[in-house]
Amino acid sequence: MKRGAHATERLCYRLTDPAFTGLDGVGGRRKAGRWHVVGEPVVYCGRSQPGAVLESLARLQGLGRLPPRAVLRIHIPAGVVIEAIEATDVPGWDYDDYQASQAYGSAWLREGRSVALLVPAVTSKPWGENVLLNPAHPDMARLTVDVVPSFAWDGRLQPLGAP
């Protein structure tokens, strides 16, 4: 695990329902994820825009035609503390029961160690990363967001047989 302020700006990306472009973590309160339990406000992002697209595709499987999405580019300014972990820091992080990853992520949120946590991404192992944002952290106010209200899905990504 590494934690520290970065000398340069960092970016992360999120695809979301166009009606919910805020970073309040309300979705985390409603539904558990790999790195948190129900009731905890958290925002999941991709370290890259393609990573965010891949994560969205994994979550949207089985819905038929891919729904409209907005894309957010989130700026984490230089000097903001970011924590980063590698797969070896949390044994079992990629297990389907989520126990190890949820324990780590929930502790990070509760302790408020940083506004952002870089975590390994199941959808793009071994090198892919996601970024978790802690809306309760004081540095959240320092982040800025660019919003593209209408993300254009590449037609090749639509499920077979989707209208």
Protein backbone atom coordinates (compact mmCIF):
# COMPACT_ATOMS: atom_id res chain seq x y z
CA MET A 1 0.00 0.00 0.00
CA LYS A 2 1.24 3.45 -0.88
CA ARG A 3 -0.17 6.75 0.19
CA GLY A 4 0.98 10.21 -0.73
CA ALA A 5 0.37 13.51 -2.44
CA HIS A 6 1.06 13.50 -6.15
CA ALA A 7 3.05 16.22 -7.86
CA THR A 8 0.78 16.23 -10.90
CA GLU A 9 -2.94 16.19 -11.53
CA ARG A 10 -4.57 12.76 -11.81
CA LEU A 11 -7.64 11.95 -13.87
CA CYS A 12 -10.31 9.31 -13.50
CA TYR A 13 -13.46 8.61 -15.50
CA ARG A 14 -17.01 7.49 -14.83
CA LEU A 15 -19.91 6.48 -17.04
CA THR A 16 -23.23 7.14 -15.37
CA ASP A 17 -26.91 7.69 -15.94
CA PRO A 18 -27.21 11.26 -17.30
CA ALA A 19 -29.64 12.08 -14.47
CA PHE A 20 -27.00 11.26 -11.84
CA THR A 21 -23.77 13.08 -12.67
CA GLY A 22 -23.01 14.12 -9.08
CA LEU A 23 -20.27 12.60 -6.96
CA ASP A 24 -22.29 12.18 -3.76
CA GLY A 25 -21.94 8.39 -3.58
CA VAL A 26 -25.66 7.78 -3.28
CA GLY A 27 -25.37 4.58 -5.35
CA GLY A 28 -22.99 3.11 -2.80
CA ARG A 29 -25.54 3.73 -0.09
CA ARG A 30 -28.09 1.67 -2.01
CA LYS A 31 -26.02 -1.24 -3.26
CA ALA A 32 -22.83 -3.00 -2.16
CA GLY A 33 -19.83 -3.23 -4.47
CA ARG A 34 -16.54 -5.05 -4.55
CA TRP A 35 -14.87 -2.48 -2.28
CA HIS A 36 -17.70 -1.39 0.06
CA VAL A 37 -20.84 -2.57 1.86
CA VAL A 38 -24.38 -1.21 1.55
CA GLY A 39 -24.86 2.13 3.25
CA GLU A 40 -21.41 3.57 2.53
CA PRO A 41 -21.23 6.52 0.13
CA VAL A 42 -18.54 5.83 -2.49
CA VAL A 43 -17.99 6.64 -6.17
CA TYR A 44 -16.43 4.03 -8.48
CA CYS A 45 -14.39 5.30 -11.44
CA GLY A 46 -12.03 3.91 -14.04
CA ARG A 47 -8.41 5.02 -14.12
CA SER A 48 -8.93 5.54 -17.87
CA GLN A 49 -11.99 6.22 -20.02
CA PRO A 50 -11.72 2.77 -21.68
CA GLY A 51 -11.52 1.25 -18.20
CA ALA A 52 -14.71 3.07 -17.21
CA VAL A 53 -16.42 1.77 -20.37
CA LEU A 54 -15.35 -1.79 -19.59
CA GLU A 55 -16.61 -1.55 -16.00
CA SER A 56 -19.94 -0.18 -17.25
CA LEU A 57 -20.30 -3.02 -19.75
CA ALA A 58 -19.71 -5.55 -16.98
CA ARG A 59 -22.43 -3.95 -14.81
CA LEU A 60 -24.93 -3.57 -17.67
CA GLN A 61 -24.86 -7.17 -18.91
CA GLY A 62 -28.28 -8.65 -19.53
CA LEU A 63 -30.09 -5.32 -19.93
CA GLY A 64 -30.46 -5.63 -23.69
CA ARG A 65 -29.68 -2.39 -25.51
CA LEU A 66 -27.08 -0.31 -23.69
CA PRO A 67 -28.73 2.63 -21.94
CA PRO A 68 -27.78 6.29 -22.41
CA ARG A 69 -24.78 7.36 -20.38
CA ALA A 70 -22.92 10.55 -19.53
CA VAL A 71 -19.15 10.43 -19.18
CA LEU A 72 -17.38 12.28 -16.40
CA ARG A 73 -13.71 13.23 -16.41
CA ILE A 74 -12.74 13.89 -12.81
CA HIS A 75 -9.66 15.96 -12.02
CA ILE A 76 -7.77 15.16 -8.81
CA PRO A 77 -5.43 18.12 -8.40
CA ALA A 78 -1.74 17.94 -7.61
CA GLY A 79 -1.04 17.82 -3.90
CA VAL A 80 -4.10 15.76 -3.00
CA VAL A 81 -3.31 12.56 -1.11
CA ILE A 82 -4.15 9.35 -2.97
CA GLU A 83 -3.82 5.84 -1.58
CA ALA A 84 -2.92 3.01 -3.96
CA ILE A 85 -2.95 -0.73 -3.42
CA GLU A 86 -1.79 -3.65 -5.50
CA ALA A 87 -3.41 -7.06 -5.75
CA THR A 88 -0.86 -8.52 -3.34
CA ASP A 89 -1.82 -5.99 -0.64
CA VAL A 90 -5.30 -7.53 -0.21
CA PRO A 91 -5.22 -11.33 -0.63
CA GLY A 92 -8.59 -12.51 -1.96
CA TRP A 93 -9.60 -9.07 -3.28
CA ASP A 94 -10.87 -10.70 -6.48
CA TYR A 95 -12.90 -13.48 -4.85
CA ASP A 96 -16.60 -13.54 -5.69
CA ASP A 97 -17.61 -13.23 -2.02
CA TYR A 98 -16.04 -9.72 -1.81
CA GLN A 99 -15.12 -10.23 1.87
CA ALA A 100 -11.47 -9.18 1.69
CA SER A 101 -12.01 -6.27 -0.69
CA GLN A 102 -15.05 -4.96 1.19
CA ALA A 103 -13.19 -5.11 4.50
CA TYR A 104 -10.31 -3.08 3.05
CA GLY A 105 -12.47 -0.55 1.20
CA SER A 106 -14.86 -0.04 4.10
CA ALA A 107 -11.95 0.59 6.47
CA TRP A 108 -10.49 3.11 4.00
CA LEU A 109 -13.82 4.94 3.81
CA ARG A 110 -14.43 4.87 7.57
CA GLU A 111 -10.92 6.09 8.43
CA GLY A 112 -10.96 8.81 5.73
CA ARG A 113 -7.34 8.13 4.81
CA SER A 114 -7.58 9.86 1.41
CA VAL A 115 -10.10 11.19 -1.09
CA ALA A 116 -9.07 8.56 -3.68
CA LEU A 117 -8.08 4.90 -3.51
CA LEU A 118 -6.52 3.19 -6.54
CA VAL A 119 -7.52 -0.48 -6.58
CA PRO A 120 -6.97 -3.41 -8.95
CA ALA A 121 -9.76 -3.98 -11.51
CA VAL A 122 -11.22 -7.45 -12.01
CA THR A 123 -12.33 -6.59 -15.55
CA SER A 124 -8.81 -5.79 -16.69
CA LYS A 125 -6.45 -7.98 -14.65
CA PRO A 126 -3.53 -7.96 -14.16
CA TRP A 127 -2.72 -4.28 -14.72
CA GLY A 128 -6.03 -2.45 -14.84
CA GLU A 129 -6.99 -0.10 -12.05
CA ASN A 130 -10.13 1.55 -10.78
CA VAL A 131 -10.40 4.60 -8.57
CA LEU A 132 -12.72 4.87 -5.59
CA LEU A 133 -13.67 8.34 -4.40
CA ASN A 134 -14.72 9.10 -0.84
CA PRO A 135 -17.43 11.81 -0.95
CA ALA A 136 -17.11 12.36 2.82
CA HIS A 137 -13.42 13.32 2.58
CA PRO A 138 -12.64 17.07 2.89
CA ASP A 139 -10.51 17.01 -0.30
CA MET A 140 -13.58 16.04 -2.33
CA ALA A 141 -14.31 19.77 -2.66
CA ARG A 142 -11.00 20.19 -4.51
CA LEU A 143 -11.96 17.80 -7.33
CA THR A 144 -13.41 19.22 -10.53
CA VAL A 145 -15.52 17.46 -13.13
CA ASP A 146 -15.99 17.77 -16.88
CA VAL A 147 -19.30 16.27 -18.05
CA VAL A 148 -20.12 15.05 -21.54
CA PRO A 149 -23.90 14.59 -21.22
CA SER A 150 -24.28 12.05 -24.02
CA PHE A 151 -21.72 9.26 -24.35
CA ALA A 152 -21.92 7.54 -27.74
CA TRP A 153 -21.73 3.75 -27.39
CA ASP A 154 -19.91 2.09 -30.27
CA GLY A 155 -22.52 -0.05 -32.03
CA ARG A 156 -20.19 -3.06 -31.89
CA LEU A 157 -20.60 -3.10 -28.10
CA GLN A 158 -24.37 -3.56 -28.23
CA PRO A 159 -25.48 -7.09 -27.29
CA LEU A 160 -26.31 -9.39 -30.20
CA GLY A 161 -29.95 -9.08 -31.12
CA ALA A 162 -30.42 -5.74 -29.31
CA PRO A 163 -32.64 -3.31 -31.24
